[in-house]
Amino acid sequence: MANNRRRRKLSRKGKIKVAIFCLKVFIPIIILCFLVKGCVSLISKNDKVTIAASFKNVTDKVKESDEYVKATTKPTEEEMKKYIKENKDLYPSEIRTYYKDYPEALEFVYNYPEKKDEKPSIDLSEEYKEGEVPLLLQWDERWGYQQYGEGMICITGCGPTCMSMVYIGLTGDITKDPLVMSEFAEEKGYYAEGTGTIWAFMSEGATELGIQAEELMLDESAVKDELEKGHPVILSMSGDAFSVSGQYIVLTGVENDQFKVHDPYSRENSEKLWSWKDFGEQIGNLWVYSVQE
């Protein structure tokens, strides 16, 4: 019995020693864990505040920069003109003054430094409506900065742009955009230095493209008859009725005994109706177009 009591006492002492050992070892560890967790939490919060403050400072500086303002806000007409004037070295002389002759193209001119080297995909599905001749403008940013002959399409490309309108209106093939037409005309020799797109493009070039072209006599009734049949007409114009120099325009129909015009230089002109007298003696030649049978 005495031995049993002695063993139980020793057992209890052993357990107490083990418990004390555990407390000595684990309590500091637990305390250390809490301290580390608190420090990490504190450091994270400080870092977040610092990072957020830094990011805000950088963002504020970016938003204040001229590049950010130009990219995120549409400038007024006066701001665009001022920018062009103050940054002449960014613009070739022929395009720097382009908007003065064609005010509608101001934004096109303003965007030249940023977009001149872009090669955007061209999809005319939104412009095309079956049975109608689409209005396409030479100074469209998708092709207007590209070279044609001695200048850019915005300056020298009225002929190919008109042919593109007529071709798409008759065939529905929207792949023949003004850039494609300009490349075709130049490749086939229909561009002449000092002259621009020659008349042969309007007849022989159209035939090569697969549509029927015929020179039309200079007669108001004859032109109206063709337009009533759905046959668009291209006019070669001299003088300054539609541009500062000679150009091509497209007649697309008749309304209230007046002519609907697609002017590749001007959306504004294209929204008006024109009388035969408006063309006056400025018509150099004209061609009527239809689908080849």
Protein backbone atom coordinates (compact mmCIF):
# COMPACT_ATOMS: atom_id res chain seq x y z
CA MET A 1 0.00 0.00 0.00
CA ALA A 2 2.83 2.41 0.95
CA ASN A 3 4.55 1.67 -2.37
CA ASN A 4 1.35 2.40 -4.27
CA ARG A 5 0.90 5.73 -2.54
CA ARG A 6 4.56 6.57 -3.32
CA ARG A 7 4.02 5.76 -7.02
CA ARG A 8 0.91 7.94 -7.23
CA LYS A 9 2.76 10.90 -5.68
CA LEU A 10 5.61 10.51 -8.17
CA SER A 11 3.08 10.30 -11.02
CA ARG A 12 1.36 13.50 -9.91
CA LYS A 13 4.72 15.28 -9.60
CA GLY A 14 5.63 14.16 -13.12
CA LYS A 15 2.40 15.50 -14.58
CA ILE A 16 2.87 18.81 -12.78
CA LYS A 17 6.43 19.09 -14.15
CA VAL A 18 5.20 18.36 -17.68
CA ALA A 19 2.43 20.95 -17.33
CA ILE A 20 4.87 23.56 -16.06
CA PHE A 21 7.25 22.76 -18.93
CA CYS A 22 4.46 23.16 -21.46
CA LEU A 23 3.41 26.47 -19.98
CA LYS A 24 6.99 27.75 -20.07
CA VAL A 25 7.42 26.73 -23.70
CA PHE A 26 4.03 27.42 -25.30
CA ILE A 27 2.93 30.61 -23.54
CA PRO A 28 5.88 32.61 -24.96
CA ILE A 29 5.20 31.13 -28.36
CA ILE A 30 1.53 32.14 -28.19
CA ILE A 31 2.45 35.63 -27.03
CA LEU A 32 5.02 35.91 -29.82
CA CYS A 33 2.40 34.85 -32.39
CA PHE A 34 0.02 37.56 -31.22
CA LEU A 35 2.80 40.16 -31.38
CA VAL A 36 3.84 39.11 -34.91
CA LYS A 37 0.23 39.13 -36.09
CA GLY A 38 -0.28 42.61 -34.68
CA CYS A 39 2.90 43.90 -36.32
CA VAL A 40 2.00 42.36 -39.66
CA SER A 41 -1.47 43.85 -39.45
CA LEU A 42 -0.04 47.25 -38.56
CA ILE A 43 2.53 47.11 -41.35
CA SER A 44 -0.11 46.09 -43.89
CA LYS A 45 -2.37 48.95 -42.92
CA ASN A 46 0.45 51.44 -43.17
CA ASP A 47 1.53 50.01 -46.51
CA LYS A 48 -2.01 50.23 -47.83
CA VAL A 49 -2.27 53.85 -46.78
CA THR A 50 1.13 54.64 -48.31
CA ILE A 51 0.38 52.82 -51.57
CA ALA A 52 -3.04 54.41 -51.85
CA ALA A 53 -1.58 57.87 -51.24
CA SER A 54 1.18 57.30 -53.79
CA PHE A 55 -1.26 55.99 -56.37
CA LYS A 56 -3.51 59.01 -55.86
CA ASN A 57 -0.58 61.38 -56.33
CA VAL A 58 0.46 59.66 -59.57
CA THR A 59 -3.14 59.58 -60.82
CA ASP A 60 -3.61 63.26 -60.04
CA LYS A 61 -0.43 64.15 -61.92
CA VAL A 62 -1.49 62.07 -64.94
CA LYS A 63 -4.92 63.69 -64.98
CA GLU A 64 -3.28 67.10 -64.93
CA SER A 65 -1.03 66.29 -67.90
CA ASP A 66 -1.77 67.62 -71.39
CA GLU A 67 -1.69 64.10 -72.83
CA TYR A 68 -4.40 62.89 -70.45
CA VAL A 69 -6.60 65.91 -71.07
CA LYS A 70 -6.21 65.50 -74.86
CA ALA A 71 -7.02 61.78 -74.67
CA THR A 72 -10.04 61.96 -72.37
CA THR A 73 -11.80 65.18 -73.28
CA LYS A 74 -12.98 66.45 -76.64
CA PRO A 75 -11.47 69.89 -77.14
CA THR A 76 -13.44 72.81 -78.45
CA GLU A 77 -12.88 74.10 -81.97
CA GLU A 78 -10.82 77.00 -80.64
CA GLU A 79 -8.67 74.64 -78.56
CA MET A 80 -8.02 72.44 -81.59
CA LYS A 81 -7.06 75.43 -83.74
CA LYS A 82 -4.78 76.73 -80.99
CA TYR A 83 -3.09 73.34 -80.61
CA ILE A 84 -2.49 73.06 -84.37
CA LYS A 85 -1.09 76.60 -84.49
CA GLU A 86 1.22 76.06 -81.51
CA ASN A 87 2.47 72.68 -82.79
CA LYS A 88 3.15 73.42 -86.44
CA ASP A 89 6.09 71.03 -86.51
CA LEU A 90 3.68 68.12 -86.00
CA TYR A 91 1.66 68.89 -89.13
CA PRO A 92 2.67 68.94 -92.82
CA SER A 93 1.85 72.32 -94.35
CA GLU A 94 -0.77 70.89 -96.74
CA ILE A 95 -2.82 69.42 -93.91
CA ARG A 96 -2.16 72.16 -91.36
CA THR A 97 -4.30 74.58 -93.39
CA TYR A 98 -6.73 71.96 -94.70
CA TYR A 99 -9.41 72.76 -92.13
CA LYS A 100 -9.42 76.41 -93.21
CA ASP A 101 -10.76 75.37 -96.61
CA TYR A 102 -12.88 72.54 -95.19
CA PRO A 103 -13.93 73.46 -91.61
CA GLU A 104 -15.74 70.15 -91.14
CA ALA A 105 -12.35 68.41 -91.22
CA LEU A 106 -10.92 70.31 -88.23
CA GLU A 107 -10.94 67.32 -85.88
CA PHE A 108 -9.42 65.14 -88.61
CA VAL A 109 -6.54 67.61 -88.94
CA TYR A 110 -6.17 67.93 -85.16
CA ASN A 111 -5.82 64.13 -84.79
CA TYR A 112 -3.17 63.81 -87.50
CA PRO A 113 -0.08 63.44 -85.25
CA GLU A 114 -1.72 60.74 -83.17
CA LYS A 115 -3.45 58.73 -85.89
CA LYS A 116 -1.46 59.24 -89.09
CA ASP A 117 0.42 55.94 -88.74
CA GLU A 118 -2.53 53.83 -87.67
CA LYS A 119 -3.87 51.17 -90.02
CA PRO A 120 -7.41 50.63 -88.73
CA SER A 121 -9.61 47.91 -90.14
CA ILE A 122 -12.23 49.34 -92.49
CA ASP A 123 -15.78 48.07 -92.19
CA LEU A 124 -18.41 49.98 -94.16
CA SER A 125 -21.35 47.82 -93.12
CA GLU A 126 -22.83 50.68 -91.10
CA GLU A 127 -22.56 53.14 -93.98
CA TYR A 128 -24.10 50.79 -96.55
CA LYS A 129 -27.84 50.37 -96.96
CA GLU A 130 -29.15 48.20 -99.76
CA GLY A 131 -30.28 50.18 -102.77
CA GLU A 132 -28.56 53.39 -101.63
CA VAL A 133 -25.27 55.06 -102.42
CA PRO A 134 -23.34 55.53 -99.17
CA LEU A 135 -21.77 58.87 -98.30
CA LEU A 136 -18.02 58.50 -97.82
CA LEU A 137 -15.67 61.37 -97.02
CA GLN A 138 -12.06 61.79 -98.12
CA TRP A 139 -11.03 62.94 -94.66
CA ASP A 140 -12.30 59.88 -92.85
CA GLU A 141 -9.55 58.86 -90.39
CA ARG A 142 -9.71 55.26 -91.60
CA TRP A 143 -8.10 56.21 -94.91
CA GLY A 144 -7.72 60.00 -95.18
CA TYR A 145 -4.11 60.13 -93.94
CA GLN A 146 -2.91 57.51 -96.44
CA GLN A 147 -0.93 58.49 -99.51
CA TYR A 148 -2.48 58.75 -102.96
CA GLY A 149 -0.37 60.21 -105.71
CA GLU A 150 1.31 63.43 -104.60
CA GLY A 151 -0.71 63.84 -101.43
CA MET A 152 -2.96 62.20 -98.92
CA ILE A 153 -6.38 60.80 -99.82
CA CYS A 154 -7.98 63.66 -97.90
CA ILE A 155 -6.48 66.04 -100.47
CA THR A 156 -6.08 64.10 -103.73
CA GLY A 157 -8.59 61.26 -103.36
CA CYS A 158 -11.95 62.67 -104.45
CA GLY A 159 -12.00 60.49 -107.59
CA PRO A 160 -11.44 57.12 -105.87
CA THR A 161 -13.78 58.14 -103.03
CA CYS A 162 -16.58 58.89 -105.51
CA MET A 163 -15.95 55.64 -107.36
CA SER A 164 -16.06 53.77 -104.05
CA MET A 165 -19.48 55.29 -103.26
CA VAL A 166 -20.86 54.38 -106.68
CA TYR A 167 -19.39 50.88 -106.73
CA ILE A 168 -20.65 49.98 -103.25
CA GLY A 169 -24.08 51.45 -103.98
CA LEU A 170 -24.47 49.36 -107.13
CA THR A 171 -22.87 46.08 -106.03
CA GLY A 172 -23.13 46.00 -102.24
CA ASP A 173 -19.44 45.06 -102.09
CA ILE A 174 -18.22 47.07 -99.10
CA THR A 175 -14.62 45.90 -99.50
CA LYS A 176 -13.98 48.50 -102.20
CA ASP A 177 -13.44 51.35 -99.76
CA PRO A 178 -11.68 54.60 -100.76
CA LEU A 179 -8.28 53.24 -99.73
CA VAL A 180 -8.68 50.15 -101.94
CA MET A 181 -9.95 52.32 -104.81
CA SER A 182 -7.01 54.71 -104.44
CA GLU A 183 -4.54 51.84 -104.56
CA PHE A 184 -6.31 50.43 -107.63
CA ALA A 185 -6.36 53.77 -109.45
CA GLU A 186 -2.68 54.44 -108.80
CA GLU A 187 -1.60 50.90 -109.68
CA LYS A 188 -3.49 51.04 -112.98
CA GLY A 189 -2.07 54.42 -113.96
CA TYR A 190 -5.20 56.48 -113.45
CA TYR A 191 -3.39 59.09 -111.38
CA ALA A 192 -1.36 61.79 -113.13
CA GLU A 193 1.04 64.13 -111.34
CA GLY A 194 -0.14 67.70 -111.35
CA THR A 195 -3.60 66.62 -112.50
CA GLY A 196 -4.91 64.05 -110.06
CA THR A 197 -7.31 61.27 -111.00
CA ILE A 198 -7.74 61.32 -114.77
CA TRP A 199 -11.08 60.98 -116.54
CA ALA A 200 -10.20 57.55 -117.90
CA PHE A 201 -10.61 56.15 -114.39
CA MET A 202 -14.28 57.10 -114.48
CA SER A 203 -14.91 55.08 -117.61
CA GLU A 204 -12.18 52.51 -118.30
CA GLY A 205 -11.42 52.08 -114.61
CA ALA A 206 -15.08 51.42 -113.85
CA THR A 207 -15.19 48.78 -116.58
CA GLU A 208 -12.14 47.08 -115.09
CA LEU A 209 -13.92 47.05 -111.76
CA GLY A 210 -16.89 45.29 -113.32
CA ILE A 211 -19.52 48.02 -113.51
CA GLN A 212 -20.88 49.72 -116.62
CA ALA A 213 -19.90 53.34 -117.26
CA GLU A 214 -21.08 55.67 -119.99
CA GLU A 215 -20.36 59.32 -120.69
CA LEU A 216 -23.53 61.35 -120.41
CA MET A 217 -24.44 64.45 -122.36
CA LEU A 218 -24.63 67.68 -120.43
CA ASP A 219 -28.39 67.78 -120.19
CA GLU A 220 -30.47 68.21 -117.03
CA SER A 221 -33.35 66.01 -118.22
CA ALA A 222 -31.02 63.20 -119.28
CA VAL A 223 -29.30 63.24 -115.89
CA LYS A 224 -32.60 63.18 -114.02
CA ASP A 225 -33.86 60.27 -116.14
CA GLU A 226 -30.80 58.19 -115.24
CA LEU A 227 -31.07 59.02 -111.56
CA GLU A 228 -34.75 58.04 -111.55
CA LYS A 229 -33.64 54.62 -112.84
CA GLY A 230 -31.32 54.25 -109.87
CA HIS A 231 -28.16 54.97 -111.86
CA PRO A 232 -25.73 57.25 -109.98
CA VAL A 233 -23.85 59.94 -111.88
CA ILE A 234 -20.33 61.26 -111.24
CA LEU A 235 -19.58 64.87 -112.21
CA SER A 236 -16.12 66.26 -112.83
CA MET A 237 -16.32 69.82 -111.50
CA SER A 238 -14.08 72.80 -112.11
CA GLY A 239 -14.27 76.09 -110.27
CA ASP A 240 -15.01 76.46 -106.59
CA ALA A 241 -18.66 75.50 -106.15
CA PHE A 242 -17.68 72.47 -104.08
CA SER A 243 -13.97 72.87 -103.40
CA VAL A 244 -11.09 75.29 -103.70
CA SER A 245 -10.08 73.48 -106.88
CA GLY A 246 -11.66 71.01 -109.31
CA GLN A 247 -13.13 67.84 -107.90
CA TYR A 248 -15.51 64.93 -108.44
CA ILE A 249 -18.94 64.63 -106.83
CA VAL A 250 -21.72 62.03 -107.04
CA LEU A 251 -25.36 62.70 -107.90
CA THR A 252 -27.47 60.05 -106.18
CA GLY A 253 -31.08 61.01 -106.84
CA VAL A 254 -33.74 63.64 -107.41
CA GLU A 255 -36.01 65.19 -104.79
CA ASN A 256 -38.43 68.10 -105.32
CA ASP A 257 -36.94 68.53 -108.79
CA GLN A 258 -33.52 69.09 -107.26
CA PHE A 259 -30.43 66.92 -107.05
CA LYS A 260 -29.13 64.89 -104.13
CA VAL A 261 -25.36 65.21 -103.96
CA HIS A 262 -22.68 63.16 -102.23
CA ASP A 263 -19.73 65.52 -101.89
CA PRO A 264 -16.64 63.60 -100.69
CA TYR A 265 -15.31 66.81 -99.13
CA SER A 266 -18.40 67.83 -97.18
CA ARG A 267 -21.15 66.21 -95.17
CA GLU A 268 -22.87 69.59 -95.00
CA ASN A 269 -23.03 69.92 -98.79
CA SER A 270 -24.29 66.36 -99.00
CA GLU A 271 -27.25 67.13 -96.77
CA LYS A 272 -28.54 69.89 -99.08
CA LEU A 273 -30.48 69.74 -102.33
CA TRP A 274 -28.94 71.38 -105.39
CA SER A 275 -30.45 72.82 -108.55
CA TRP A 276 -28.95 72.35 -112.00
CA LYS A 277 -28.08 76.06 -111.98
CA ASP A 278 -25.93 75.51 -108.88
CA PHE A 279 -23.61 73.40 -110.99
CA GLY A 280 -23.59 76.11 -113.63
CA GLU A 281 -20.85 75.88 -116.22
CA GLN A 282 -18.51 74.12 -113.82
CA ILE A 283 -19.31 70.61 -115.07
CA GLY A 284 -16.35 69.38 -117.11
CA ASN A 285 -17.70 65.89 -117.82
CA LEU A 286 -20.13 63.37 -116.39
CA TRP A 287 -20.63 59.61 -116.36
CA VAL A 288 -23.59 57.41 -115.51
CA TYR A 289 -23.16 53.98 -113.87
CA SER A 290 -25.08 50.74 -113.71
CA VAL A 291 -24.48 47.07 -113.04
CA GLN A 292 -23.12 45.20 -116.04
CA GLU A 293 -25.67 42.80 -117.51
